[in-house]
């Protein structure tokens, strides 16, 4: 709820805490019990999600090609290309380009 902009008082009221401080402390305790994911864990999770999207889009791309629907096939080919590029960035396979400013 806090991530969506709710105040601590709104969270307390909604979830039955006696005060906004009690709601805040409950969130802190939860955070202490569940440490944040590591960068490697986050990268693996996001790569897996992108891999699933890539696979799904590739299936749709092939279906469109077989149906002779070039417009839809082109749409999915662009999505696949974008997903492949995002996955490459995610794993560090793309070196940043150097910009020269005059």
C-alpha atoms as a PDB file:
ATOM      1  CA  UNK A   1       0.000   0.000   0.000  1.00  0.00           C
ATOM      2  CA  UNK A   2       2.866   2.371   0.781  1.00  0.00           C
ATOM      3  CA  UNK A   3       4.310   1.750  -2.677  1.00  0.00           C
ATOM      4  CA  UNK A   4       1.045   2.943  -4.215  1.00  0.00           C
ATOM      5  CA  UNK A   5       1.104   6.195  -2.243  1.00  0.00           C
ATOM      6  CA  UNK A   6      -1.023   5.341   0.792  1.00  0.00           C
ATOM      7  CA  UNK A   7      -0.127   7.157   3.993  1.00  0.00           C
ATOM      8  CA  UNK A   8       0.853   5.232   7.100  1.00  0.00           C
ATOM      9  CA  UNK A   9      -2.441   6.294   8.673  1.00  0.00           C
ATOM     10  CA  UNK A  10      -4.407   4.935   5.714  1.00  0.00           C
ATOM     11  CA  UNK A  11      -2.455   1.685   5.945  1.00  0.00           C
ATOM     12  CA  UNK A  12      -3.107   1.470   9.689  1.00  0.00           C
ATOM     13  CA  UNK A  13      -6.828   2.113   9.223  1.00  0.00           C
ATOM     14  CA  UNK A  14      -7.152  -0.384   6.365  1.00  0.00           C
ATOM     15  CA  UNK A  15      -5.233  -3.182   8.071  1.00  0.00           C
ATOM     16  CA  UNK A  16      -6.413  -2.624  11.638  1.00  0.00           C
ATOM     17  CA  UNK A  17      -3.246  -1.282  13.265  1.00  0.00           C
ATOM     18  CA  UNK A  18      -3.802   1.024  16.245  1.00  0.00           C
ATOM     19  CA  UNK A  19      -1.550   3.771  14.868  1.00  0.00           C
ATOM     20  CA  UNK A  20       0.468   4.791  11.856  1.00  0.00           C
ATOM     21  CA  UNK A  21       3.641   4.064  13.830  1.00  0.00           C
ATOM     22  CA  UNK A  22       2.454   0.490  14.456  1.00  0.00           C
ATOM     23  CA  UNK A  23       1.868   0.006  10.724  1.00  0.00           C
ATOM     24  CA  UNK A  24       5.296   1.428   9.911  1.00  0.00           C
ATOM     25  CA  UNK A  25       6.986  -0.824  12.479  1.00  0.00           C
ATOM     26  CA  UNK A  26       5.191  -3.879  11.086  1.00  0.00           C
ATOM     27  CA  UNK A  27       6.554  -3.120   7.617  1.00  0.00           C
ATOM     28  CA  UNK A  28      10.059  -2.656   9.031  1.00  0.00           C
ATOM     29  CA  UNK A  29       9.841  -6.012  10.852  1.00  0.00           C
ATOM     30  CA  UNK A  30       8.706  -7.682   7.633  1.00  0.00           C
ATOM     31  CA  UNK A  31      11.636  -6.148   5.768  1.00  0.00           C
ATOM     32  CA  UNK A  32      14.064  -7.397   8.409  1.00  0.00           C
ATOM     33  CA  UNK A  33      12.689 -10.950   8.113  1.00  0.00           C
ATOM     34  CA  UNK A  34      12.789 -10.863   4.297  1.00  0.00           C
ATOM     35  CA  UNK A  35      16.022  -9.301   3.074  1.00  0.00           C
ATOM     36  CA  UNK A  36      15.877  -7.691  -0.351  1.00  0.00           C
ATOM     37  CA  UNK A  37      16.852  -9.816  -3.309  1.00  0.00           C
ATOM     38  CA  UNK A  38      20.393  -9.585  -4.553  1.00  0.00           C
ATOM     39  CA  UNK A  39      21.237  -7.999  -7.880  1.00  0.00           C
ATOM     40  CA  UNK A  40      21.909 -11.458  -9.273  1.00  0.00           C
ATOM     41  CA  UNK A  41      18.519 -12.725  -8.097  1.00  0.00           C
ATOM     42  CA  UNK A  42      16.730  -9.713  -9.581  1.00  0.00           C
ATOM     43  CA  UNK A  43      18.618 -10.087 -12.866  1.00  0.00           C
ATOM     44  CA  UNK A  44      17.753 -13.802 -13.081  1.00  0.00           C
ATOM     45  CA  UNK A  45      14.073 -13.134 -12.305  1.00  0.00           C
ATOM     46  CA  UNK A  46      13.787 -10.420 -14.940  1.00  0.00           C
ATOM     47  CA  UNK A  47      15.704 -12.457 -17.512  1.00  0.00           C
ATOM     48  CA  UNK A  48      13.352 -15.376 -16.946  1.00  0.00           C
ATOM     49  CA  UNK A  49      10.316 -13.135 -17.483  1.00  0.00           C
ATOM     50  CA  UNK A  50      11.842 -11.746 -20.689  1.00  0.00           C
ATOM     51  CA  UNK A  51      12.690 -15.266 -21.869  1.00  0.00           C
ATOM     52  CA  UNK A  52       9.044 -16.303 -21.452  1.00  0.00           C
ATOM     53  CA  UNK A  53       7.889 -13.237 -23.398  1.00  0.00           C
ATOM     54  CA  UNK A  54      10.416 -13.965 -26.126  1.00  0.00           C
ATOM     55  CA  UNK A  55       9.240 -17.552 -26.446  1.00  0.00           C
ATOM     56  CA  UNK A  56       5.575 -16.543 -26.497  1.00  0.00           C
ATOM     57  CA  UNK A  57       6.175 -13.844 -29.103  1.00  0.00           C
ATOM     58  CA  UNK A  58       8.212 -16.222 -31.256  1.00  0.00           C
ATOM     59  CA  UNK A  59       5.308 -18.686 -31.311  1.00  0.00           C
ATOM     60  CA  UNK A  60       2.952 -15.877 -32.364  1.00  0.00           C
ATOM     61  CA  UNK A  61       5.463 -14.716 -34.973  1.00  0.00           C
ATOM     62  CA  UNK A  62       5.595 -18.193 -36.542  1.00  0.00           C
ATOM     63  CA  UNK A  63       1.793 -18.451 -36.512  1.00  0.00           C
ATOM     64  CA  UNK A  64       1.497 -15.108 -38.297  1.00  0.00           C
ATOM     65  CA  UNK A  65       4.085 -16.148 -40.893  1.00  0.00           C
ATOM     66  CA  UNK A  66       2.265 -19.412 -41.571  1.00  0.00           C
ATOM     67  CA  UNK A  67      -1.008 -17.493 -41.957  1.00  0.00           C
ATOM     68  CA  UNK A  68       0.611 -15.075 -44.411  1.00  0.00           C
ATOM     69  CA  UNK A  69      -0.086 -12.142 -42.075  1.00  0.00           C
ATOM     70  CA  UNK A  70       3.010 -10.087 -42.763  1.00  0.00           C
ATOM     71  CA  UNK A  71       1.872  -7.092 -40.688  1.00  0.00           C
ATOM     72  CA  UNK A  72       1.416  -9.150 -37.550  1.00  0.00           C
ATOM     73  CA  UNK A  73       4.627 -11.070 -38.212  1.00  0.00           C
ATOM     74  CA  UNK A  74       6.502  -7.773 -38.521  1.00  0.00           C
ATOM     75  CA  UNK A  75       4.986  -6.574 -35.230  1.00  0.00           C
ATOM     76  CA  UNK A  76       6.131  -9.704 -33.407  1.00  0.00           C
ATOM     77  CA  UNK A  77       9.571  -9.639 -35.030  1.00  0.00           C
ATOM     78  CA  UNK A  78      10.070  -6.130 -33.624  1.00  0.00           C
ATOM     79  CA  UNK A  79       8.937  -7.284 -30.187  1.00  0.00           C
ATOM     80  CA  UNK A  80      11.312 -10.247 -30.340  1.00  0.00           C
ATOM     81  CA  UNK A  81      14.194  -8.003 -31.388  1.00  0.00           C
ATOM     82  CA  UNK A  82      13.420  -5.632 -28.513  1.00  0.00           C
ATOM     83  CA  UNK A  83      13.247  -8.492 -26.005  1.00  0.00           C
ATOM     84  CA  UNK A  84      16.527  -9.970 -27.228  1.00  0.00           C
ATOM     85  CA  UNK A  85      18.170  -6.552 -26.875  1.00  0.00           C
ATOM     86  CA  UNK A  86      16.810  -6.133 -23.335  1.00  0.00           C
ATOM     87  CA  UNK A  87      18.069  -9.565 -22.340  1.00  0.00           C
ATOM     88  CA  UNK A  88      21.506  -8.766 -23.786  1.00  0.00           C
ATOM     89  CA  UNK A  89      21.654  -5.539 -21.758  1.00  0.00           C
ATOM     90  CA  UNK A  90      20.490  -7.337 -18.640  1.00  0.00           C
ATOM     91  CA  UNK A  91      23.357  -9.825 -18.728  1.00  0.00           C
ATOM     92  CA  UNK A  92      25.953  -7.237 -19.721  1.00  0.00           C
ATOM     93  CA  UNK A  93      26.467  -8.439 -23.278  1.00  0.00           C
ATOM     94  CA  UNK A  94      26.041  -4.929 -24.687  1.00  0.00           C
ATOM     95  CA  UNK A  95      28.844  -2.449 -24.149  1.00  0.00           C
ATOM     96  CA  UNK A  96      27.703   1.138 -23.677  1.00  0.00           C
ATOM     97  CA  UNK A  97      28.550   3.382 -26.608  1.00  0.00           C
ATOM     98  CA  UNK A  98      30.691   6.421 -26.115  1.00  0.00           C
ATOM     99  CA  UNK A  99      29.150   9.743 -27.083  1.00  0.00           C
ATOM    100  CA  UNK A 100      31.237  12.668 -28.267  1.00  0.00           C
ATOM    101  CA  UNK A 101      29.798  16.077 -27.504  1.00  0.00           C
ATOM    102  CA  UNK A 102      31.291  19.149 -29.189  1.00  0.00           C
END
